[in-house]
Amino acid sequence: MSPAVFLEMTLTACITVWSPGPNNILLLSSASKYGFKKNLPFMFGIWTGSLSLMILSGIFCKTLASIVPGIQPVMKYVGGIYMLYLAYKTFQRLPPGENDAEKEPHYLMGFFLQLINVKIIIYGLTMFSSFILPHVSRIPLLLGFAFYLMILGAIGNLIWAFAGNVLKIFYGKHYKGMNAVMALLLVWCALRVVWIC
């Protein structure tokens, strides 16, 4: 994988997992209610669930590519289209609501949230099909990329948990500008994946 592709993958991953989504908004809400320390088991659950999904995404995409050899170019276009859809949804996103988490978050809640978190599932499939598998096929490297993608998500989770109400207030005031910048970056990444990779 070239440094340019790695940079584009990292940028796309950061935009996807650092933007508001189920994990980040729930962390923002519960951190402002219960504090950072009480959210640690919940975050560990999110991270292990996310790592599990990244590994499964890599296995699924690699297996599909070996069963249907011509699928890789098609998957690249599907990933690009999904990134354009994400850009559209990001541009239209409203600031998070005021709802707090009902129960104190725990490890299993975080882990199982990943299993139904469509954003993270499609994130893993998109990253592997559009950026990783066209350039890397060795299992140890694929596992390394799964871990790397999970780490990027974990950094985003930490940012949202630490930020608490501060980020919630800032995003609430400037969400249109932030959404526009993130959406344009996603469009740029989608175009690069489809026409350059």
Protein backbone atom coordinates (compact mmCIF):
# COMPACT_ATOMS: atom_id res chain seq x y z
CA MET A 1 0.00 0.00 0.00
CA SER A 2 1.40 3.37 -0.99
CA PRO A 3 1.68 6.21 1.54
CA ALA A 4 -0.93 8.20 -0.42
CA VAL A 5 -3.50 5.37 -0.21
CA PHE A 6 -2.69 4.84 3.48
CA LEU A 7 -3.24 8.56 4.13
CA GLU A 8 -6.56 8.55 2.24
CA MET A 9 -7.70 5.46 4.13
CA THR A 10 -6.77 7.06 7.45
CA LEU A 11 -8.56 10.31 6.54
CA THR A 12 -11.71 8.44 5.47
CA ALA A 13 -11.58 6.29 8.61
CA CYS A 14 -11.16 9.32 10.90
CA ILE A 15 -14.01 11.21 9.27
CA THR A 16 -16.24 8.16 9.56
CA VAL A 17 -15.49 7.10 13.13
CA TRP A 18 -14.84 10.53 14.65
CA SER A 19 -18.08 12.05 13.38
CA PRO A 20 -21.27 11.80 15.44
CA GLY A 21 -22.66 8.30 15.42
CA PRO A 22 -24.25 5.88 17.90
CA ASN A 23 -21.00 5.21 19.81
CA ASN A 24 -19.80 8.78 20.01
CA ILE A 25 -23.14 10.35 20.88
CA LEU A 26 -23.83 7.76 23.56
CA LEU A 27 -20.31 8.32 24.98
CA LEU A 28 -20.83 12.08 24.91
CA SER A 29 -24.13 11.72 26.70
CA SER A 30 -23.07 9.15 29.27
CA ALA A 31 -19.72 10.87 30.00
CA SER A 32 -21.54 14.09 30.79
CA LYS A 33 -23.89 12.12 33.06
CA TYR A 34 -21.64 9.51 34.73
CA GLY A 35 -18.11 10.84 34.17
CA PHE A 36 -15.19 9.47 32.17
CA LYS A 37 -14.08 6.70 34.58
CA LYS A 38 -17.48 5.03 34.74
CA ASN A 39 -17.50 4.92 30.92
CA LEU A 40 -14.24 2.94 30.66
CA PRO A 41 -15.88 -0.54 30.73
CA PHE A 42 -18.36 0.65 28.10
CA MET A 43 -15.52 1.96 25.91
CA PHE A 44 -13.57 -1.31 26.27
CA GLY A 45 -16.72 -3.11 25.11
CA ILE A 46 -16.97 -0.81 22.10
CA TRP A 47 -13.31 -1.37 21.24
CA THR A 48 -13.38 -5.17 21.49
CA GLY A 49 -16.64 -5.29 19.56
CA SER A 50 -15.19 -2.99 16.93
CA LEU A 51 -11.99 -5.06 16.62
CA SER A 52 -14.10 -8.21 16.23
CA LEU A 53 -16.12 -6.56 13.44
CA MET A 54 -12.97 -5.29 11.67
CA ILE A 55 -11.50 -8.81 11.68
CA LEU A 56 -14.78 -10.29 10.42
CA SER A 57 -15.00 -7.59 7.71
CA GLY A 58 -11.48 -8.41 6.53
CA ILE A 59 -12.22 -12.15 6.48
CA PHE A 60 -15.53 -11.62 4.66
CA CYS A 61 -14.05 -9.31 2.01
CA LYS A 62 -10.97 -11.53 1.46
CA THR A 63 -13.11 -14.68 1.21
CA LEU A 64 -15.52 -13.02 -1.20
CA ALA A 65 -12.60 -11.80 -3.34
CA SER A 66 -11.14 -15.32 -3.51
CA ILE A 67 -14.50 -16.94 -4.34
CA VAL A 68 -15.44 -14.32 -6.95
CA PRO A 69 -12.11 -13.03 -8.32
CA GLY A 70 -13.68 -10.20 -10.34
CA ILE A 71 -15.49 -8.75 -7.31
CA GLN A 72 -12.64 -6.47 -6.18
CA PRO A 73 -13.24 -3.69 -8.77
CA VAL A 74 -16.99 -3.86 -8.08
CA MET A 75 -16.40 -3.61 -4.33
CA LYS A 76 -14.27 -0.53 -4.93
CA TYR A 77 -17.21 1.21 -6.64
CA VAL A 78 -19.65 0.05 -3.97
CA GLY A 79 -17.31 1.48 -1.32
CA GLY A 80 -17.04 4.75 -3.24
CA ILE A 81 -20.82 5.01 -3.55
CA TYR A 82 -21.21 4.33 0.16
CA MET A 83 -18.71 7.11 0.94
CA LEU A 84 -20.77 9.51 -1.19
CA TYR A 85 -23.86 8.43 0.73
CA LEU A 86 -21.98 9.04 4.00
CA ALA A 87 -21.01 12.49 2.73
CA TYR A 88 -24.65 13.28 1.99
CA LYS A 89 -25.80 12.03 5.42
CA THR A 90 -22.94 13.89 7.12
CA PHE A 91 -23.89 17.13 5.39
CA GLN A 92 -27.52 16.76 6.52
CA ARG A 93 -26.73 15.64 10.08
CA LEU A 94 -28.32 17.64 12.88
CA PRO A 95 -26.66 18.20 16.26
CA PRO A 96 -27.22 15.47 18.85
CA GLY A 97 -30.34 15.63 21.00
CA GLU A 98 -30.47 16.16 24.71
CA ASN A 99 -31.39 12.56 25.59
CA ASP A 100 -29.17 10.97 28.24
CA ALA A 101 -28.45 7.28 28.46
CA GLU A 102 -30.99 5.59 30.71
CA LYS A 103 -28.70 3.05 32.37
CA GLU A 104 -25.07 3.35 33.43
CA PRO A 105 -23.06 1.96 30.49
CA HIS A 106 -21.15 -1.33 30.87
CA TYR A 107 -18.82 -3.60 28.87
CA LEU A 108 -21.45 -5.88 27.30
CA MET A 109 -23.56 -2.89 26.29
CA GLY A 110 -20.57 -1.50 24.36
CA PHE A 111 -19.66 -4.86 22.81
CA PHE A 112 -23.17 -5.71 21.62
CA LEU A 113 -23.77 -2.16 20.39
CA GLN A 114 -21.09 -2.89 17.77
CA LEU A 115 -22.90 -5.99 16.53
CA ILE A 116 -25.93 -3.88 15.56
CA ASN A 117 -24.07 -0.68 14.67
CA VAL A 118 -24.59 -0.49 10.90
CA LYS A 119 -22.19 2.45 10.63
CA ILE A 120 -19.29 0.37 12.00
CA ILE A 121 -20.20 -2.74 10.00
CA ILE A 122 -20.27 -0.83 6.71
CA TYR A 123 -17.17 1.12 7.79
CA GLY A 124 -15.21 -2.14 8.11
CA LEU A 125 -16.48 -3.53 4.81
CA THR A 126 -15.73 -0.25 3.01
CA MET A 127 -12.22 0.12 4.42
CA PHE A 128 -11.24 -3.43 3.53
CA SER A 129 -12.87 -3.56 0.09
CA SER A 130 -11.87 -0.05 -1.05
CA PHE A 131 -8.50 0.58 0.56
CA ILE A 132 -6.87 -2.49 2.07
CA LEU A 133 -7.54 -5.61 -0.03
CA PRO A 134 -6.63 -4.02 -3.37
CA HIS A 135 -3.10 -3.55 -1.93
CA VAL A 136 -2.62 -6.12 0.86
CA SER A 137 -3.46 -9.83 1.04
CA ARG A 138 -1.28 -11.35 3.78
CA ILE A 139 -3.25 -12.36 6.89
CA PRO A 140 -0.89 -10.75 9.47
CA LEU A 141 -1.11 -7.42 7.63
CA LEU A 142 -4.90 -7.68 7.39
CA LEU A 143 -5.07 -8.28 11.16
CA GLY A 144 -2.76 -5.29 11.66
CA PHE A 145 -5.10 -3.10 9.59
CA ALA A 146 -8.13 -4.38 11.56
CA PHE A 147 -6.35 -3.33 14.76
CA TYR A 148 -5.36 0.03 13.22
CA LEU A 149 -8.97 0.76 12.18
CA MET A 150 -10.15 -0.11 15.69
CA ILE A 151 -7.50 2.20 17.21
CA LEU A 152 -8.71 5.11 15.03
CA GLY A 153 -12.23 4.48 16.29
CA ALA A 154 -10.97 4.28 19.88
CA ILE A 155 -9.26 7.67 19.53
CA GLY A 156 -12.54 9.15 18.30
CA ASN A 157 -14.39 7.57 21.23
CA LEU A 158 -11.88 9.03 23.69
CA ILE A 159 -12.23 12.48 22.13
CA TRP A 160 -16.02 12.37 22.47
CA ALA A 161 -15.91 10.96 26.01
CA PHE A 162 -13.37 13.57 27.18
CA ALA A 163 -15.18 16.38 25.45
CA GLY A 164 -18.48 15.73 27.22
CA ASN A 165 -20.75 18.73 27.08
CA VAL A 166 -18.06 21.04 25.67
CA LEU A 167 -18.03 19.30 22.28
CA LYS A 168 -21.78 18.92 22.40
CA ILE A 169 -22.20 22.68 22.78
CA PHE A 170 -19.55 23.49 20.14
CA TYR A 171 -20.98 21.04 17.62
CA GLY A 172 -24.48 22.33 18.35
CA LYS A 173 -23.37 25.87 17.42
CA HIS A 174 -21.16 25.03 14.42
CA TYR A 175 -22.60 21.77 13.12
CA LYS A 176 -23.39 23.09 9.62
CA GLY A 177 -19.80 24.16 8.92
CA MET A 178 -18.32 21.02 10.49
CA ASN A 179 -20.72 18.81 8.53
CA ALA A 180 -19.87 20.58 5.26
CA VAL A 181 -16.11 20.13 5.74
CA MET A 182 -16.46 16.45 6.68
CA ALA A 183 -18.83 15.83 3.75
CA LEU A 184 -16.45 17.44 1.24
CA LEU A 185 -13.54 15.38 2.57
CA LEU A 186 -15.61 12.21 2.17
CA VAL A 187 -16.49 13.16 -1.43
CA TRP A 188 -12.81 13.73 -2.19
CA CYS A 189 -11.91 10.32 -0.69
CA ALA A 190 -14.69 8.57 -2.63
CA LEU A 191 -13.51 10.07 -5.91
CA ARG A 192 -9.91 9.06 -5.18
CA VAL A 193 -10.95 5.47 -4.39
CA VAL A 194 -13.01 5.07 -7.57
CA TRP A 195 -10.69 6.75 -10.08
CA ILE A 196 -7.20 6.43 -8.68
CA CYS A 197 -6.88 3.22 -6.61
